[in-house]
N, C-alpha and C. Protein backbone atom coordinates (compact mmCIF):
# COMPACT_ATOMS: atom_id res chain seq x y z
N MET A 1 -1.06 -28.48 17.45
CA MET A 1 -1.84 -29.69 17.41
C MET A 1 -2.60 -29.87 18.72
N ALA A 2 -1.93 -29.60 19.82
CA ALA A 2 -2.60 -29.75 21.11
C ALA A 2 -3.79 -28.81 21.22
N GLY A 3 -3.64 -27.60 20.72
CA GLY A 3 -4.73 -26.62 20.74
C GLY A 3 -5.92 -27.07 19.90
N LEU A 4 -5.65 -27.62 18.73
CA LEU A 4 -6.71 -28.13 17.86
C LEU A 4 -7.45 -29.27 18.55
N GLU A 5 -6.70 -30.20 19.12
CA GLU A 5 -7.32 -31.34 19.79
C GLU A 5 -8.15 -30.89 20.99
N GLU A 6 -7.63 -29.95 21.76
CA GLU A 6 -8.38 -29.46 22.92
C GLU A 6 -9.68 -28.80 22.49
N GLU A 7 -9.63 -27.98 21.46
CA GLU A 7 -10.85 -27.32 20.96
C GLU A 7 -11.86 -28.36 20.48
N ALA A 8 -11.38 -29.39 19.79
CA ALA A 8 -12.28 -30.44 19.32
C ALA A 8 -12.90 -31.20 20.49
N LEU A 9 -12.10 -31.49 21.50
CA LEU A 9 -12.60 -32.20 22.68
C LEU A 9 -13.69 -31.41 23.40
N VAL A 10 -13.40 -30.15 23.70
CA VAL A 10 -14.38 -29.38 24.46
C VAL A 10 -15.60 -29.03 23.63
N ALA A 11 -15.49 -29.09 22.31
CA ALA A 11 -16.65 -28.87 21.45
C ALA A 11 -17.48 -30.14 21.29
N GLY A 12 -17.01 -31.24 21.91
CA GLY A 12 -17.76 -32.48 21.86
C GLY A 12 -17.57 -33.29 20.59
N MET A 13 -16.52 -33.00 19.85
CA MET A 13 -16.25 -33.73 18.62
C MET A 13 -15.71 -35.13 18.95
N PRO A 14 -16.01 -36.11 18.11
CA PRO A 14 -15.52 -37.48 18.38
C PRO A 14 -14.06 -37.68 18.02
N GLY A 15 -13.44 -36.71 17.34
CA GLY A 15 -12.05 -36.85 16.97
C GLY A 15 -11.64 -35.76 16.00
N VAL A 16 -10.45 -35.92 15.43
CA VAL A 16 -9.90 -34.96 14.48
C VAL A 16 -9.43 -35.73 13.25
N ILE A 17 -9.64 -35.17 12.07
CA ILE A 17 -9.12 -35.74 10.83
C ILE A 17 -8.24 -34.68 10.17
N LEU A 18 -7.03 -35.08 9.82
CA LEU A 18 -6.09 -34.22 9.12
C LEU A 18 -5.75 -34.86 7.79
N ASP A 19 -5.27 -34.06 6.85
CA ASP A 19 -4.78 -34.67 5.63
C ASP A 19 -3.41 -34.10 5.29
N THR A 20 -2.68 -34.83 4.49
CA THR A 20 -1.35 -34.39 4.07
C THR A 20 -1.04 -34.97 2.70
N GLY A 21 -0.07 -34.37 2.05
CA GLY A 21 0.36 -34.85 0.74
C GLY A 21 1.03 -36.21 0.83
N ILE A 22 1.19 -36.83 -0.34
CA ILE A 22 1.72 -38.20 -0.37
C ILE A 22 3.19 -38.27 -0.74
N ASP A 23 3.78 -37.19 -1.24
CA ASP A 23 5.17 -37.28 -1.67
C ASP A 23 6.14 -37.08 -0.50
N GLU A 24 7.42 -37.23 -0.77
CA GLU A 24 8.45 -37.20 0.26
C GLU A 24 8.49 -35.86 1.01
N TYR A 25 8.09 -34.79 0.37
CA TYR A 25 8.07 -33.47 1.00
C TYR A 25 7.23 -33.47 2.28
N PHE A 26 6.20 -34.32 2.34
CA PHE A 26 5.29 -34.37 3.48
C PHE A 26 5.62 -35.49 4.47
N ALA A 27 6.76 -36.14 4.32
CA ALA A 27 7.14 -37.24 5.20
C ALA A 27 7.21 -36.80 6.67
N ALA A 28 7.73 -35.60 6.92
CA ALA A 28 7.83 -35.12 8.31
C ALA A 28 6.45 -34.92 8.92
N ALA A 29 5.49 -34.41 8.14
CA ALA A 29 4.13 -34.24 8.65
C ALA A 29 3.51 -35.58 8.98
N ARG A 30 3.69 -36.56 8.09
CA ARG A 30 3.14 -37.89 8.35
C ARG A 30 3.76 -38.51 9.60
N ALA A 31 5.06 -38.33 9.78
CA ALA A 31 5.74 -38.86 10.97
C ALA A 31 5.22 -38.17 12.23
N LEU A 32 5.00 -36.87 12.17
CA LEU A 32 4.46 -36.13 13.32
C LEU A 32 3.06 -36.64 13.66
N TYR A 33 2.20 -36.75 12.67
CA TYR A 33 0.83 -37.24 12.92
C TYR A 33 0.87 -38.62 13.57
N ARG A 34 1.70 -39.50 13.03
CA ARG A 34 1.82 -40.86 13.58
C ARG A 34 2.29 -40.81 15.03
N SER A 35 3.28 -39.96 15.33
CA SER A 35 3.83 -39.88 16.69
C SER A 35 2.82 -39.32 17.69
N LEU A 36 1.83 -38.58 17.20
CA LEU A 36 0.81 -38.00 18.07
C LEU A 36 -0.44 -38.88 18.18
N GLY A 37 -0.37 -40.09 17.62
CA GLY A 37 -1.47 -41.03 17.77
C GLY A 37 -2.49 -41.02 16.66
N TYR A 38 -2.22 -40.32 15.56
CA TYR A 38 -3.14 -40.34 14.43
C TYR A 38 -2.93 -41.61 13.62
N ILE A 39 -4.00 -42.14 13.08
CA ILE A 39 -3.97 -43.38 12.31
C ILE A 39 -4.18 -43.06 10.84
N ASP A 40 -3.31 -43.60 9.99
CA ASP A 40 -3.43 -43.43 8.55
C ASP A 40 -4.67 -44.21 8.09
N ARG A 41 -5.61 -43.53 7.47
CA ARG A 41 -6.85 -44.17 7.02
C ARG A 41 -6.67 -44.96 5.75
N ARG A 42 -5.49 -44.98 5.21
CA ARG A 42 -5.12 -45.73 4.00
C ARG A 42 -5.89 -45.22 2.79
N GLY A 43 -5.25 -45.27 1.69
CA GLY A 43 -5.86 -44.81 0.45
C GLY A 43 -5.49 -43.37 0.15
N VAL A 44 -5.68 -43.00 -1.08
CA VAL A 44 -5.36 -41.65 -1.55
C VAL A 44 -6.62 -41.06 -2.17
N TYR A 45 -6.85 -39.80 -1.92
CA TYR A 45 -7.98 -39.09 -2.53
C TYR A 45 -7.48 -37.75 -3.04
N LEU A 46 -8.25 -37.12 -3.88
CA LEU A 46 -7.89 -35.80 -4.40
C LEU A 46 -8.55 -34.73 -3.56
N GLY A 47 -7.77 -33.76 -3.16
CA GLY A 47 -8.28 -32.63 -2.42
C GLY A 47 -7.96 -31.35 -3.18
N GLY A 48 -8.88 -30.42 -3.16
CA GLY A 48 -8.67 -29.17 -3.87
C GLY A 48 -8.64 -27.99 -2.93
N TRP A 49 -7.93 -26.97 -3.32
CA TRP A 49 -7.87 -25.75 -2.52
C TRP A 49 -7.58 -24.57 -3.43
N SER A 50 -7.89 -23.41 -2.94
CA SER A 50 -7.66 -22.17 -3.68
C SER A 50 -6.63 -21.34 -2.94
N ASP A 51 -5.78 -20.67 -3.69
CA ASP A 51 -4.76 -19.81 -3.10
C ASP A 51 -5.41 -18.48 -2.71
N PRO A 52 -5.47 -18.16 -1.41
CA PRO A 52 -6.14 -16.92 -0.99
C PRO A 52 -5.41 -15.66 -1.45
N HIS A 53 -4.15 -15.80 -1.84
CA HIS A 53 -3.37 -14.64 -2.26
C HIS A 53 -3.39 -14.43 -3.77
N ARG A 54 -3.95 -15.42 -4.49
CA ARG A 54 -4.04 -15.33 -5.95
C ARG A 54 -5.44 -15.75 -6.39
N PRO A 55 -6.38 -14.82 -6.39
CA PRO A 55 -7.76 -15.16 -6.77
C PRO A 55 -7.81 -15.88 -8.12
N GLY A 56 -8.62 -16.92 -8.16
CA GLY A 56 -8.78 -17.69 -9.39
C GLY A 56 -7.77 -18.80 -9.58
N VAL A 57 -6.79 -18.92 -8.67
CA VAL A 57 -5.79 -19.98 -8.78
C VAL A 57 -6.22 -21.13 -7.87
N HIS A 58 -6.39 -22.30 -8.47
CA HIS A 58 -6.88 -23.48 -7.74
C HIS A 58 -5.91 -24.64 -7.95
N PHE A 59 -5.83 -25.50 -6.96
CA PHE A 59 -4.93 -26.65 -7.00
C PHE A 59 -5.70 -27.91 -6.63
N VAL A 60 -5.23 -29.04 -7.16
CA VAL A 60 -5.74 -30.35 -6.79
C VAL A 60 -4.53 -31.19 -6.44
N ASP A 61 -4.56 -31.79 -5.24
CA ASP A 61 -3.44 -32.58 -4.76
C ASP A 61 -3.89 -33.97 -4.32
N PRO A 62 -3.07 -35.00 -4.55
CA PRO A 62 -3.35 -36.31 -3.95
C PRO A 62 -3.00 -36.24 -2.47
N LEU A 63 -3.91 -36.71 -1.62
CA LEU A 63 -3.76 -36.60 -0.17
C LEU A 63 -4.05 -37.92 0.52
N THR A 64 -3.57 -38.04 1.75
CA THR A 64 -3.96 -39.12 2.65
C THR A 64 -4.62 -38.51 3.87
N GLN A 65 -5.48 -39.27 4.51
CA GLN A 65 -6.17 -38.79 5.73
C GLN A 65 -5.62 -39.49 6.95
N TRP A 66 -5.54 -38.72 8.04
CA TRP A 66 -5.08 -39.21 9.33
C TRP A 66 -6.15 -38.90 10.35
N ARG A 67 -6.55 -39.90 11.14
CA ARG A 67 -7.65 -39.73 12.09
C ARG A 67 -7.20 -40.05 13.51
N LYS A 68 -7.65 -39.22 14.44
CA LYS A 68 -7.43 -39.49 15.86
C LYS A 68 -8.79 -39.42 16.54
N ALA A 69 -9.25 -40.55 17.06
CA ALA A 69 -10.53 -40.61 17.75
C ALA A 69 -10.31 -40.36 19.24
N PHE A 70 -11.26 -39.69 19.86
CA PHE A 70 -11.20 -39.43 21.29
C PHE A 70 -12.01 -40.49 22.01
N ASP A 71 -11.55 -40.86 23.21
CA ASP A 71 -12.25 -41.89 23.99
C ASP A 71 -13.65 -41.44 24.39
N ALA A 72 -13.75 -40.28 25.00
CA ALA A 72 -15.06 -39.78 25.44
C ALA A 72 -15.06 -38.26 25.32
N PRO A 73 -15.98 -37.71 24.54
CA PRO A 73 -16.02 -36.25 24.43
C PRO A 73 -16.33 -35.59 25.77
N ARG A 74 -15.74 -34.44 26.00
CA ARG A 74 -16.04 -33.65 27.19
C ARG A 74 -17.32 -32.88 26.96
N HIS A 75 -17.71 -32.09 27.94
CA HIS A 75 -18.93 -31.30 27.78
C HIS A 75 -18.77 -30.36 26.58
N ARG A 76 -19.85 -30.13 25.91
CA ARG A 76 -19.83 -29.30 24.72
C ARG A 76 -19.86 -27.82 25.09
N ARG A 77 -19.03 -27.05 24.44
CA ARG A 77 -19.04 -25.60 24.57
C ARG A 77 -18.61 -25.00 23.24
N THR A 78 -18.77 -23.73 23.10
CA THR A 78 -18.34 -23.05 21.89
C THR A 78 -16.82 -22.93 21.89
N PRO A 79 -16.15 -23.33 20.80
CA PRO A 79 -14.70 -23.19 20.74
C PRO A 79 -14.28 -21.73 20.94
N THR A 80 -13.08 -21.54 21.50
CA THR A 80 -12.62 -20.18 21.80
C THR A 80 -12.04 -19.49 20.59
N ALA A 81 -11.66 -20.24 19.57
CA ALA A 81 -11.04 -19.63 18.40
C ALA A 81 -11.54 -20.33 17.15
N VAL A 82 -11.55 -19.60 16.08
CA VAL A 82 -11.86 -20.16 14.78
C VAL A 82 -10.61 -20.05 13.94
N LEU A 83 -10.11 -21.19 13.47
CA LEU A 83 -8.91 -21.19 12.64
C LEU A 83 -9.31 -20.97 11.18
N ARG A 84 -8.65 -20.03 10.56
CA ARG A 84 -8.89 -19.75 9.16
C ARG A 84 -7.63 -20.08 8.39
N PHE A 85 -7.78 -20.38 7.11
CA PHE A 85 -6.64 -20.73 6.27
C PHE A 85 -5.53 -19.69 6.38
N GLN A 86 -5.87 -18.41 6.35
CA GLN A 86 -4.85 -17.38 6.37
C GLN A 86 -4.16 -17.28 7.72
N ASP A 87 -4.71 -17.88 8.77
CA ASP A 87 -4.06 -17.88 10.08
C ASP A 87 -2.95 -18.93 10.18
N LEU A 88 -2.96 -19.89 9.28
CA LEU A 88 -2.01 -21.00 9.37
C LEU A 88 -0.69 -20.66 8.75
């Protein structure tokens, strides 16, 4: 999380938005986001994703969004890494 936030800051982004599932399985993620200063944006939306290991398999999940705004962006530069789904 610290690495993501640092990359967003140095890239001049105004903040970070994360999403997570709404059921009890994701309670630990929601607690972590809250403890790190992310604010629940309230409401539920549907998010879709594809399984990179099973071509043609797609999922739709109910999600919540968590936002952390930065006070003042730092100077803009190119991020040092690009995070891809398969890296997570």
